[in-house]
Amino acid sequence: MSQQWSSPSATGATSDVSNYLIPAILSTIFCCMPLGVVSIIFATQVNGKVASGDTAGAMEASKKAKMFMFIAVGLGVLTWVCAIVIWIFVLGAAAVGGNM
């Protein structure tokens, strides 16, 4: 009495594990390219792991994709804020220096 082996069913499993691919792509384009690329790599691994039945691995890859995406967005926002602050100080110094 042996049972037939069947592959795990992936129906509905992809909705349980988010892959964060679109936010990863957007963070790569607009924020921080190196960390965004890492986020894309982990995001593309999620669906393949879910399809092969590795839900734990898919959740880990999803978690890493989300983490790197948030770090990329944070660094991008920080860079833009610093650039704007420096730009304001440079223009302010030029305006003050021009009045003397």
PDB file of N, CA and C in Angstrom:
ATOM      1  N   MET A   1       0.835  -1.164   0.000  1.00  0.00           N
ATOM      2  CA  MET A   1       0.000   0.000   0.000  1.00  0.00           C
ATOM      3  C   MET A   1       0.890   1.241   0.000  1.00  0.00           C
ATOM      4  N   SER A   2       1.128   1.734  -1.137  1.00  0.00           N
ATOM      5  CA  SER A   2       1.908   2.969  -1.242  1.00  0.00           C
ATOM      6  C   SER A   2       1.020   4.061  -1.822  1.00  0.00           C
ATOM      7  N   GLN A   3       1.331   5.281  -1.403  1.00  0.00           N
ATOM      8  CA  GLN A   3       0.566   6.409  -1.902  1.00  0.00           C
ATOM      9  C   GLN A   3       1.304   7.038  -3.066  1.00  0.00           C
ATOM     10  N   GLN A   4       0.529   7.579  -3.967  1.00  0.00           N
ATOM     11  CA  GLN A   4       1.105   8.283  -5.099  1.00  0.00           C
ATOM     12  C   GLN A   4       1.566   9.655  -4.634  1.00  0.00           C
ATOM     13  N   TRP A   5       2.730  10.054  -5.107  1.00  0.00           N
ATOM     14  CA  TRP A   5       3.250  11.378  -4.773  1.00  0.00           C
ATOM     15  C   TRP A   5       2.659  12.385  -5.730  1.00  0.00           C
ATOM     16  N   SER A   6       2.236  13.504  -5.194  1.00  0.00           N
ATOM     17  CA  SER A   6       1.724  14.577  -6.041  1.00  0.00           C
ATOM     18  C   SER A   6       2.414  15.875  -5.647  1.00  0.00           C
ATOM     19  N   SER A   7       2.630  16.680  -6.645  1.00  0.00           N
ATOM     20  CA  SER A   7       3.300  17.964  -6.378  1.00  0.00           C
ATOM     21  C   SER A   7       2.362  18.869  -5.594  1.00  0.00           C
ATOM     22  N   PRO A   8       2.944  19.767  -4.793  1.00  0.00           N
ATOM     23  CA  PRO A   8       2.088  20.670  -4.013  1.00  0.00           C
ATOM     24  C   PRO A   8       1.296  21.610  -4.912  1.00  0.00           C
ATOM     25  N   SER A   9       0.106  21.876  -4.497  1.00  0.00           N
ATOM     26  CA  SER A   9      -0.761  22.755  -5.270  1.00  0.00           C
ATOM     27  C   SER A   9      -0.424  24.209  -4.980  1.00  0.00           C
ATOM     28  N   ALA A  10      -0.303  24.998  -6.019  1.00  0.00           N
ATOM     29  CA  ALA A  10       0.045  26.412  -5.865  1.00  0.00           C
ATOM     30  C   ALA A  10      -1.159  27.318  -6.083  1.00  0.00           C
ATOM     31  N   THR A  11      -2.366  26.770  -6.073  1.00  0.00           N
ATOM     32  CA  THR A  11      -3.534  27.592  -6.319  1.00  0.00           C
ATOM     33  C   THR A  11      -3.812  28.461  -5.103  1.00  0.00           C
ATOM     34  N   GLY A  12      -3.840  29.768  -5.331  1.00  0.00           N
ATOM     35  CA  GLY A  12      -4.114  30.698  -4.254  1.00  0.00           C
ATOM     36  C   GLY A  12      -2.913  30.995  -3.376  1.00  0.00           C
ATOM     37  N   ALA A  13      -1.820  30.282  -3.549  1.00  0.00           N
ATOM     38  CA  ALA A  13      -0.663  30.470  -2.680  1.00  0.00           C
ATOM     39  C   ALA A  13       0.065  31.776  -2.990  1.00  0.00           C
ATOM     40  N   THR A  14      -0.003  32.232  -4.234  1.00  0.00           N
ATOM     41  CA  THR A  14       0.710  33.461  -4.573  1.00  0.00           C
ATOM     42  C   THR A  14       0.056  34.673  -3.937  1.00  0.00           C
ATOM     43  N   SER A  15      -1.221  34.594  -3.607  1.00  0.00           N
ATOM     44  CA  SER A  15      -1.867  35.742  -2.973  1.00  0.00           C
ATOM     45  C   SER A  15      -1.452  35.871  -1.516  1.00  0.00           C
ATOM     46  N   ASP A  16      -0.945  34.790  -0.920  1.00  0.00           N
ATOM     47  CA  ASP A  16      -0.522  34.834   0.470  1.00  0.00           C
ATOM     48  C   ASP A  16       0.850  35.477   0.629  1.00  0.00           C
ATOM     49  N   VAL A  17       1.703  35.358  -0.355  1.00  0.00           N
ATOM     50  CA  VAL A  17       3.062  35.884  -0.273  1.00  0.00           C
ATOM     51  C   VAL A  17       3.223  36.967  -1.332  1.00  0.00           C
ATOM     52  N   SER A  18       3.425  38.189  -0.868  1.00  0.00           N
ATOM     53  CA  SER A  18       3.586  39.314  -1.791  1.00  0.00           C
ATOM     54  C   SER A  18       5.025  39.361  -2.273  1.00  0.00           C
ATOM     55  N   ASN A  19       5.221  39.673  -3.563  1.00  0.00           N
ATOM     56  CA  ASN A  19       6.584  39.680  -4.084  1.00  0.00           C
ATOM     57  C   ASN A  19       7.222  41.067  -4.124  1.00  0.00           C
ATOM     58  N   TYR A  20       6.472  42.149  -3.965  1.00  0.00           N
ATOM     59  CA  TYR A  20       6.998  43.521  -3.930  1.00  0.00           C
ATOM     60  C   TYR A  20       7.812  43.884  -5.164  1.00  0.00           C
ATOM     61  N   LEU A  21       7.479  43.325  -6.311  1.00  0.00           N
ATOM     62  CA  LEU A  21       8.270  43.567  -7.514  1.00  0.00           C
ATOM     63  C   LEU A  21       8.096  44.999  -8.032  1.00  0.00           C
ATOM     64  N   ILE A  22       6.881  45.488  -8.090  1.00  0.00           N
ATOM     65  CA  ILE A  22       6.666  46.849  -8.614  1.00  0.00           C
ATOM     66  C   ILE A  22       7.301  47.901  -7.710  1.00  0.00           C
ATOM     67  N   PRO A  23       7.104  47.844  -6.374  1.00  0.00           N
ATOM     68  CA  PRO A  23       7.812  48.824  -5.540  1.00  0.00           C
ATOM     69  C   PRO A  23       9.330  48.702  -5.646  1.00  0.00           C
ATOM     70  N   ALA A  24       9.832  47.487  -5.832  1.00  0.00           N
ATOM     71  CA  ALA A  24      11.281  47.297  -5.982  1.00  0.00           C
ATOM     72  C   ALA A  24      11.787  47.961  -7.262  1.00  0.00           C
ATOM     73  N   ILE A  25      11.036  47.825  -8.337  1.00  0.00           N
ATOM     74  CA  ILE A  25      11.426  48.460  -9.599  1.00  0.00           C
ATOM     75  C   ILE A  25      11.383  49.976  -9.471  1.00  0.00           C
ATOM     76  N   LEU A  26      10.331  50.500  -8.843  1.00  0.00           N
ATOM     77  CA  LEU A  26      10.212  51.946  -8.673  1.00  0.00           C
ATOM     78  C   LEU A  26      11.312  52.503  -7.766  1.00  0.00           C
ATOM     79  N   SER A  27      11.654  51.768  -6.708  1.00  0.00           N
ATOM     80  CA  SER A  27      12.737  52.237  -5.837  1.00  0.00           C
ATOM     81  C   SER A  27      14.081  52.184  -6.549  1.00  0.00           C
ATOM     82  N   THR A  28      14.236  51.269  -7.486  1.00  0.00           N
ATOM     83  CA  THR A  28      15.471  51.210  -8.267  1.00  0.00           C
ATOM     84  C   THR A  28      15.574  52.404  -9.201  1.00  0.00           C
ATOM     85  N   ILE A  29      14.481  52.748  -9.854  1.00  0.00           N
ATOM     86  CA  ILE A  29      14.494  53.846 -10.821  1.00  0.00           C
ATOM     87  C   ILE A  29      14.629  55.194 -10.133  1.00  0.00           C
ATOM     88  N   PHE A  30      13.872  55.420  -9.074  1.00  0.00           N
ATOM     89  CA  PHE A  30      13.777  56.755  -8.498  1.00  0.00           C
ATOM     90  C   PHE A  30      14.628  56.993  -7.254  1.00  0.00           C
ATOM     91  N   CYS A  31      15.115  55.957  -6.599  1.00  0.00           N
ATOM     92  CA  CYS A  31      15.767  56.176  -5.302  1.00  0.00           C
ATOM     93  C   CYS A  31      17.230  55.741  -5.285  1.00  0.00           C
ATOM     94  N   CYS A  32      17.466  54.481  -5.060  1.00  0.00           N
ATOM     95  CA  CYS A  32      18.832  53.992  -4.875  1.00  0.00           C
ATOM     96  C   CYS A  32      19.018  52.730  -5.720  1.00  0.00           C
ATOM     97  N   MET A  33      19.745  52.861  -6.811  1.00  0.00           N
ATOM     98  CA  MET A  33      19.860  51.763  -7.759  1.00  0.00           C
ATOM     99  C   MET A  33      20.485  50.484  -7.175  1.00  0.00           C
ATOM    100  N   PRO A  34      21.610  50.535  -6.461  1.00  0.00           N
ATOM    101  CA  PRO A  34      22.205  49.274  -5.987  1.00  0.00           C
ATOM    102  C   PRO A  34      21.280  48.477  -5.069  1.00  0.00           C
ATOM    103  N   LEU A  35      20.655  49.133  -4.112  1.00  0.00           N
ATOM    104  CA  LEU A  35      19.763  48.410  -3.207  1.00  0.00           C
ATOM    105  C   LEU A  35      18.460  48.036  -3.902  1.00  0.00           C
ATOM    106  N   GLY A  36      18.034  48.823  -4.855  1.00  0.00           N
ATOM    107  CA  GLY A  36      16.842  48.489  -5.617  1.00  0.00           C
ATOM    108  C   GLY A  36      17.032  47.230  -6.450  1.00  0.00           C
ATOM    109  N   VAL A  37      18.217  47.066  -7.004  1.00  0.00           N
ATOM    110  CA  VAL A  37      18.509  45.858  -7.793  1.00  0.00           C
ATOM    111  C   VAL A  37      18.482  44.624  -6.889  1.00  0.00           C
ATOM    112  N   VAL A  38      19.034  44.745  -5.693  1.00  0.00           N
ATOM    113  CA  VAL A  38      18.993  43.625  -4.741  1.00  0.00           C
ATOM    114  C   VAL A  38      17.544  43.299  -4.397  1.00  0.00           C
ATOM    115  N   SER A  39      16.736  44.321  -4.213  1.00  0.00           N
ATOM    116  CA  SER A  39      15.323  44.113  -3.920  1.00  0.00           C
ATOM    117  C   SER A  39      14.609  43.422  -5.084  1.00  0.00           C
ATOM    118  N   ILE A  40      14.936  43.797  -6.310  1.00  0.00           N
ATOM    119  CA  ILE A  40      14.344  43.142  -7.487  1.00  0.00           C
ATOM    120  C   ILE A  40      14.735  41.671  -7.536  1.00  0.00           C
ATOM    121  N   ILE A  41      15.981  41.375  -7.219  1.00  0.00           N
ATOM    122  CA  ILE A  41      16.439  39.979  -7.249  1.00  0.00           C
ATOM    123  C   ILE A  41      15.633  39.132  -6.274  1.00  0.00           C
ATOM    124  N   PHE A  42      15.459  39.624  -5.042  1.00  0.00           N
ATOM    125  CA  PHE A  42      14.676  38.856  -4.070  1.00  0.00           C
ATOM    126  C   PHE A  42      13.205  38.795  -4.460  1.00  0.00           C
ATOM    127  N   ALA A  43      12.671  39.872  -5.042  1.00  0.00           N
ATOM    128  CA  ALA A  43      11.264  39.890  -5.434  1.00  0.00           C
ATOM    129  C   ALA A  43      10.977  38.883  -6.543  1.00  0.00           C
ATOM    130  N   THR A  44      11.929  38.706  -7.449  1.00  0.00           N
ATOM    131  CA  THR A  44      11.703  37.742  -8.535  1.00  0.00           C
ATOM    132  C   THR A  44      11.827  36.298  -8.063  1.00  0.00           C
ATOM    133  N   GLN A  45      12.435  36.065  -6.932  1.00  0.00           N
ATOM    134  CA  GLN A  45      12.567  34.705  -6.406  1.00  0.00           C
ATOM    135  C   GLN A  45      11.280  34.210  -5.750  1.00  0.00           C
ATOM    136  N   VAL A  46      10.403  35.119  -5.355  1.00  0.00           N
ATOM    137  CA  VAL A  46       9.221  34.749  -4.574  1.00  0.00           C
ATOM    138  C   VAL A  46       8.294  33.820  -5.345  1.00  0.00           C
ATOM    139  N   ASN A  47       7.900  34.184  -6.547  1.00  0.00           N
ATOM    140  CA  ASN A  47       6.931  33.364  -7.298  1.00  0.00           C
ATOM    141  C   ASN A  47       7.480  31.988  -7.624  1.00  0.00           C
ATOM    142  N   GLY A  48       8.775  31.906  -7.945  1.00  0.00           N
ATOM    143  CA  GLY A  48       9.365  30.598  -8.228  1.00  0.00           C
ATOM    144  C   GLY A  48       9.374  29.692  -7.009  1.00  0.00           C
ATOM    145  N   LYS A  49       9.634  30.270  -5.850  1.00  0.00           N
ATOM    146  CA  LYS A  49       9.646  29.464  -4.627  1.00  0.00           C
ATOM    147  C   LYS A  49       8.242  29.029  -4.239  1.00  0.00           C
ATOM    148  N   VAL A  50       7.260  29.901  -4.459  1.00  0.00           N
ATOM    149  CA  VAL A  50       5.874  29.511  -4.183  1.00  0.00           C
ATOM    150  C   VAL A  50       5.456  28.396  -5.127  1.00  0.00           C
ATOM    151  N   ALA A  51       5.832  28.503  -6.396  1.00  0.00           N
ATOM    152  CA  ALA A  51       5.462  27.474  -7.383  1.00  0.00           C
ATOM    153  C   ALA A  51       6.094  26.135  -7.066  1.00  0.00           C
ATOM    154  N   SER A  52       7.298  26.154  -6.476  1.00  0.00           N
ATOM    155  CA  SER A  52       7.953  24.889  -6.142  1.00  0.00           C
ATOM    156  C   SER A  52       7.522  24.358  -4.781  1.00  0.00           C
ATOM    157  N   GLY A  53       6.670  25.114  -4.075  1.00  0.00           N
ATOM    158  CA  GLY A  53       6.160  24.635  -2.801  1.00  0.00           C
ATOM    159  C   GLY A  53       6.968  25.102  -1.599  1.00  0.00           C
ATOM    160  N   ASP A  54       7.969  25.916  -1.805  1.00  0.00           N
ATOM    161  CA  ASP A  54       8.819  26.409  -0.722  1.00  0.00           C
ATOM    162  C   ASP A  54       8.227  27.707  -0.171  1.00  0.00           C
ATOM    163  N   THR A  55       7.166  27.565   0.620  1.00  0.00           N
ATOM    164  CA  THR A  55       6.490  28.743   1.151  1.00  0.00           C
ATOM    165  C   THR A  55       7.370  29.504   2.132  1.00  0.00           C
ATOM    166  N   ALA A  56       8.117  28.794   2.954  1.00  0.00           N
ATOM    167  CA  ALA A  56       9.001  29.455   3.919  1.00  0.00           C
ATOM    168  C   ALA A  56      10.081  30.258   3.193  1.00  0.00           C
ATOM    169  N   GLY A  57      10.655  29.679   2.153  1.00  0.00           N
ATOM    170  CA  GLY A  57      11.661  30.384   1.363  1.00  0.00           C
ATOM    171  C   GLY A  57      11.063  31.583   0.639  1.00  0.00           C
ATOM    172  N   ALA A  58       9.830  31.440   0.160  1.00  0.00           N
ATOM    173  CA  ALA A  58       9.152  32.546  -0.515  1.00  0.00           C
ATOM    174  C   ALA A  58       8.872  33.681   0.455  1.00  0.00           C
ATOM    175  N   MET A  59       8.480  33.345   1.673  1.00  0.00           N
ATOM    176  CA  MET A  59       8.229  34.380   2.673  1.00  0.00           C
ATOM    177  C   MET A  59       9.526  35.083   3.073  1.00  0.00           C
ATOM    178  N   GLU A  60      10.609  34.344   3.154  1.00  0.00           N
ATOM    179  CA  GLU A  60      11.915  34.945   3.480  1.00  0.00           C
ATOM    180  C   GLU A  60      12.376  35.871   2.347  1.00  0.00           C
ATOM    181  N   ALA A  61      12.236  35.434   1.103  1.00  0.00           N
ATOM    182  CA  ALA A  61      12.614  36.275  -0.034  1.00  0.00           C
ATOM    183  C   ALA A  61      11.730  37.518  -0.101  1.00  0.00           C
ATOM    184  N   SER A  62      10.441  37.373   0.202  1.00  0.00           N
ATOM    185  CA  SER A  62       9.529  38.512   0.221  1.00  0.00           C
ATOM    186  C   SER A  62       9.927  39.504   1.307  1.00  0.00           C
ATOM    187  N   LYS A  63      10.285  38.976   2.457  1.00  0.00           N
ATOM    188  CA  LYS A  63      10.710  39.838   3.576  1.00  0.00           C
ATOM    189  C   LYS A  63      11.975  40.616   3.221  1.00  0.00           C
ATOM    190  N   LYS A  64      12.929  39.946   2.574  1.00  0.00           N
ATOM    191  CA  LYS A  64      14.166  40.614   2.173  1.00  0.00           C
ATOM    192  C   LYS A  64      13.919  41.637   1.065  1.00  0.00           C
ATOM    193  N   ALA A  65      13.042  41.308   0.121  1.00  0.00           N
ATOM    194  CA  ALA A  65      12.711  42.264  -0.948  1.00  0.00           C
ATOM    195  C   ALA A  65      12.089  43.521  -0.361  1.00  0.00           C
ATOM    196  N   LYS A  66      11.195  43.341   0.600  1.00  0.00           N
ATOM    197  CA  LYS A  66      10.539  44.479   1.251  1.00  0.00           C
ATOM    198  C   LYS A  66      11.563  45.308   2.025  1.00  0.00           C
ATOM    199  N   MET A  67      12.459  44.650   2.744  1.00  0.00           N
ATOM    200  CA  MET A  67      13.459  45.353   3.542  1.00  0.00           C
ATOM    201  C   MET A  67      14.380  46.191   2.656  1.00  0.00           C
ATOM    202  N   PHE A  68      14.917  45.585   1.595  1.00  0.00           N
ATOM    203  CA  PHE A  68      15.826  46.319   0.709  1.00  0.00           C
ATOM    204  C   PHE A  68      15.102  47.431  -0.043  1.00  0.00           C
ATOM    205  N   MET A  69      13.825  47.218  -0.355  1.00  0.00           N
ATOM    206  CA  MET A  69      13.050  48.261  -1.019  1.00  0.00           C
ATOM    207  C   MET A  69      12.874  49.464  -0.099  1.00  0.00           C
ATOM    208  N   PHE A  70      12.550  49.214   1.168  1.00  0.00           N
ATOM    209  CA  PHE A  70      12.389  50.314   2.118  1.00  0.00           C
ATOM    210  C   PHE A  70      13.713  51.033   2.384  1.00  0.00           C
ATOM    211  N   ILE A  71      14.803  50.304   2.461  1.00  0.00           N
ATOM    212  CA  ILE A  71      16.107  50.942   2.651  1.00  0.00           C
ATOM    213  C   ILE A  71      16.450  51.808   1.439  1.00  0.00           C
ATOM    214  N   ALA A  72      16.183  51.308   0.240  1.00  0.00           N
ATOM    215  CA  ALA A  72      16.449  52.078  -0.976  1.00  0.00           C
ATOM    216  C   ALA A  72      15.617  53.352  -1.011  1.00  0.00           C
ATOM    217  N   VAL A  73      14.346  53.258  -0.654  1.00  0.00           N
ATOM    218  CA  VAL A  73      13.487  54.441  -0.631  1.00  0.00           C
ATOM    219  C   VAL A  73      13.974  55.420   0.434  1.00  0.00           C
ATOM    220  N   GLY A  74      14.338  54.907   1.603  1.00  0.00           N
ATOM    221  CA  GLY A  74      14.832  55.775   2.672  1.00  0.00           C
ATOM    222  C   GLY A  74      16.095  56.514   2.273  1.00  0.00           C
ATOM    223  N   LEU A  75      17.032  55.806   1.660  1.00  0.00           N
ATOM    224  CA  LEU A  75      18.263  56.454   1.217  1.00  0.00           C
ATOM    225  C   LEU A  75      18.000  57.456   0.091  1.00  0.00           C
ATOM    226  N   GLY A  76      17.085  57.126  -0.782  1.00  0.00           N
ATOM    227  CA  GLY A  76      16.736  58.062  -1.853  1.00  0.00           C
ATOM    228  C   GLY A  76      16.121  59.336  -1.320  1.00  0.00           C
ATOM    229  N   VAL A  77      15.188  59.199  -0.379  1.00  0.00           N
ATOM    230  CA  VAL A  77      14.555  60.376   0.221  1.00  0.00           C
ATOM    231  C   VAL A  77      15.585  61.187   0.996  1.00  0.00           C
ATOM    232  N   LEU A  78      16.442  60.521   1.750  1.00  0.00           N
ATOM    233  CA  LEU A  78      17.488  61.213   2.502  1.00  0.00           C
ATOM    234  C   LEU A  78      18.427  61.978   1.578  1.00  0.00           C
ATOM    235  N   THR A  79      18.787  61.372   0.464  1.00  0.00           N
ATOM    236  CA  THR A  79      19.660  62.038  -0.505  1.00  0.00           C
ATOM    237  C   THR A  79      18.992  63.281  -1.078  1.00  0.00           C
ATOM    238  N   TRP A  80      17.719  63.174  -1.455  1.00  0.00           N
ATOM    239  CA  TRP A  80      17.010  64.328  -2.003  1.00  0.00           C
ATOM    240  C   TRP A  80      16.855  65.433  -0.970  1.00  0.00           C
ATOM    241  N   VAL A  81      16.559  65.081   0.278  1.00  0.00           N
ATOM    242  CA  VAL A  81      16.420  66.092   1.329  1.00  0.00           C
ATOM    243  C   VAL A  81      17.750  66.805   1.548  1.00  0.00           C
ATOM    244  N   CYS A  82      18.840  66.051   1.631  1.00  0.00           N
ATOM    245  CA  CYS A  82      20.166  66.666   1.803  1.00  0.00           C
ATOM    246  C   CYS A  82      20.513  67.568   0.619  1.00  0.00           C
ATOM    247  N   ALA A  83      20.208  67.131  -0.584  1.00  0.00           N
ATOM    248  CA  ALA A  83      20.499  67.946  -1.768  1.00  0.00           C
ATOM    249  C   ALA A  83      19.712  69.248  -1.745  1.00  0.00           C
ATOM    250  N   ILE A  84      18.454  69.190  -1.359  1.00  0.00           N
ATOM    251  CA  ILE A  84      17.632  70.398  -1.301  1.00  0.00           C
ATOM    252  C   ILE A  84      18.126  71.340  -0.206  1.00  0.00           C
ATOM    253  N   VAL A  85      18.478  70.801   0.958  1.00  0.00           N
ATOM    254  CA  VAL A  85      18.988  71.640   2.046  1.00  0.00           C
ATOM    255  C   VAL A  85      20.296  72.311   1.642  1.00  0.00           C
ATOM    256  N   ILE A  86      21.193  71.567   1.028  1.00  0.00           N
ATOM    257  CA  ILE A  86      22.464  72.147   0.583  1.00  0.00           C
ATOM    258  C   ILE A  86      22.213  73.218  -0.476  1.00  0.00           C
ATOM    259  N   TRP A  87      21.300  72.947  -1.389  1.00  0.00           N
ATOM    260  CA  TRP A  87      20.975  73.908  -2.440  1.00  0.00           C
ATOM    261  C   TRP A  87      20.429  75.206  -1.844  1.00  0.00           C
ATOM    262  N   ILE A  88      19.567  75.081  -0.830  1.00  0.00           N
ATOM    263  CA  ILE A  88      19.011  76.267  -0.165  1.00  0.00           C
ATOM    264  C   ILE A  88      20.125  77.059   0.517  1.00  0.00           C
ATOM    265  N   PHE A  89      21.037  76.375   1.202  1.00  0.00           N
ATOM    266  CA  PHE A  89      22.142  77.075   1.861  1.00  0.00           C
ATOM    267  C   PHE A  89      23.067  77.743   0.857  1.00  0.00           C
ATOM    268  N   VAL A  90      23.338  77.098  -0.255  1.00  0.00           N
ATOM    269  CA  VAL A  90      24.213  77.699  -1.261  1.00  0.00           C
ATOM    270  C   VAL A  90      23.548  78.935  -1.853  1.00  0.00           C
ATOM    271  N   LEU A  91      22.276  78.843  -2.200  1.00  0.00           N
ATOM    272  CA  LEU A  91      21.572  80.016  -2.735  1.00  0.00           C
ATOM    273  C   LEU A  91      21.442  81.111  -1.691  1.00  0.00           C
ATOM    274  N   GLY A  92      21.244  80.733  -0.428  1.00  0.00           N
ATOM    275  CA  GLY A  92      21.159  81.718   0.640  1.00  0.00           C
ATOM    276  C   GLY A  92      22.483  82.416   0.852  1.00  0.00           C
ATOM    277  N   ALA A  93      23.577  81.654   0.808  1.00  0.00           N
ATOM    278  CA  ALA A  93      24.894  82.262   0.963  1.00  0.00           C
ATOM    279  C   ALA A  93      25.207  83.170  -0.226  1.00  0.00           C
ATOM    280  N   ALA A  94      24.789  82.790  -1.399  1.00  0.00           N
ATOM    281  CA  ALA A  94      25.030  83.616  -2.585  1.00  0.00           C
ATOM    282  C   ALA A  94      24.213  84.910  -2.503  1.00  0.00           C
ATOM    283  N   ALA A  95      22.995  84.808  -1.985  1.00  0.00           N
ATOM    284  CA  ALA A  95      22.151  86.003  -1.860  1.00  0.00           C
ATOM    285  C   ALA A  95      22.698  86.951  -0.808  1.00  0.00           C
ATOM    286  N   VAL A  96      23.181  86.389   0.303  1.00  0.00           N
ATOM    287  CA  VAL A  96      23.742  87.230   1.357  1.00  0.00           C
ATOM    288  C   VAL A  96      25.064  87.849   0.894  1.00  0.00           C
ATOM    289  N   GLY A  97      25.877  87.064   0.212  1.00  0.00           N
ATOM    290  CA  GLY A  97      27.169  87.560  -0.297  1.00  0.00           C
ATOM    291  C   GLY A  97      27.007  88.603  -1.382  1.00  0.00           C
ATOM    292  N   GLY A  98      25.930  88.533  -2.133  1.00  0.00           N
ATOM    293  CA  GLY A  98      25.707  89.492  -3.212  1.00  0.00           C
ATOM    294  C   GLY A  98      25.212  90.844  -2.712  1.00  0.00           C
ATOM    295  N   ASN A  99      24.664  90.884  -1.509  1.00  0.00           N
ATOM    296  CA  ASN A  99      24.145  92.130  -0.955  1.00  0.00           C
ATOM    297  C   ASN A  99      25.213  92.961  -0.242  1.00  0.00           C
ATOM    298  N   MET A 100      26.373  92.413  -0.022  1.00  0.00           N
ATOM    299  CA  MET A 100      27.389  93.144   0.730  1.00  0.00           C
ATOM    300  C   MET A 100      28.216  94.017  -0.140  1.00  0.00           C
TER     301      MET A 100
END
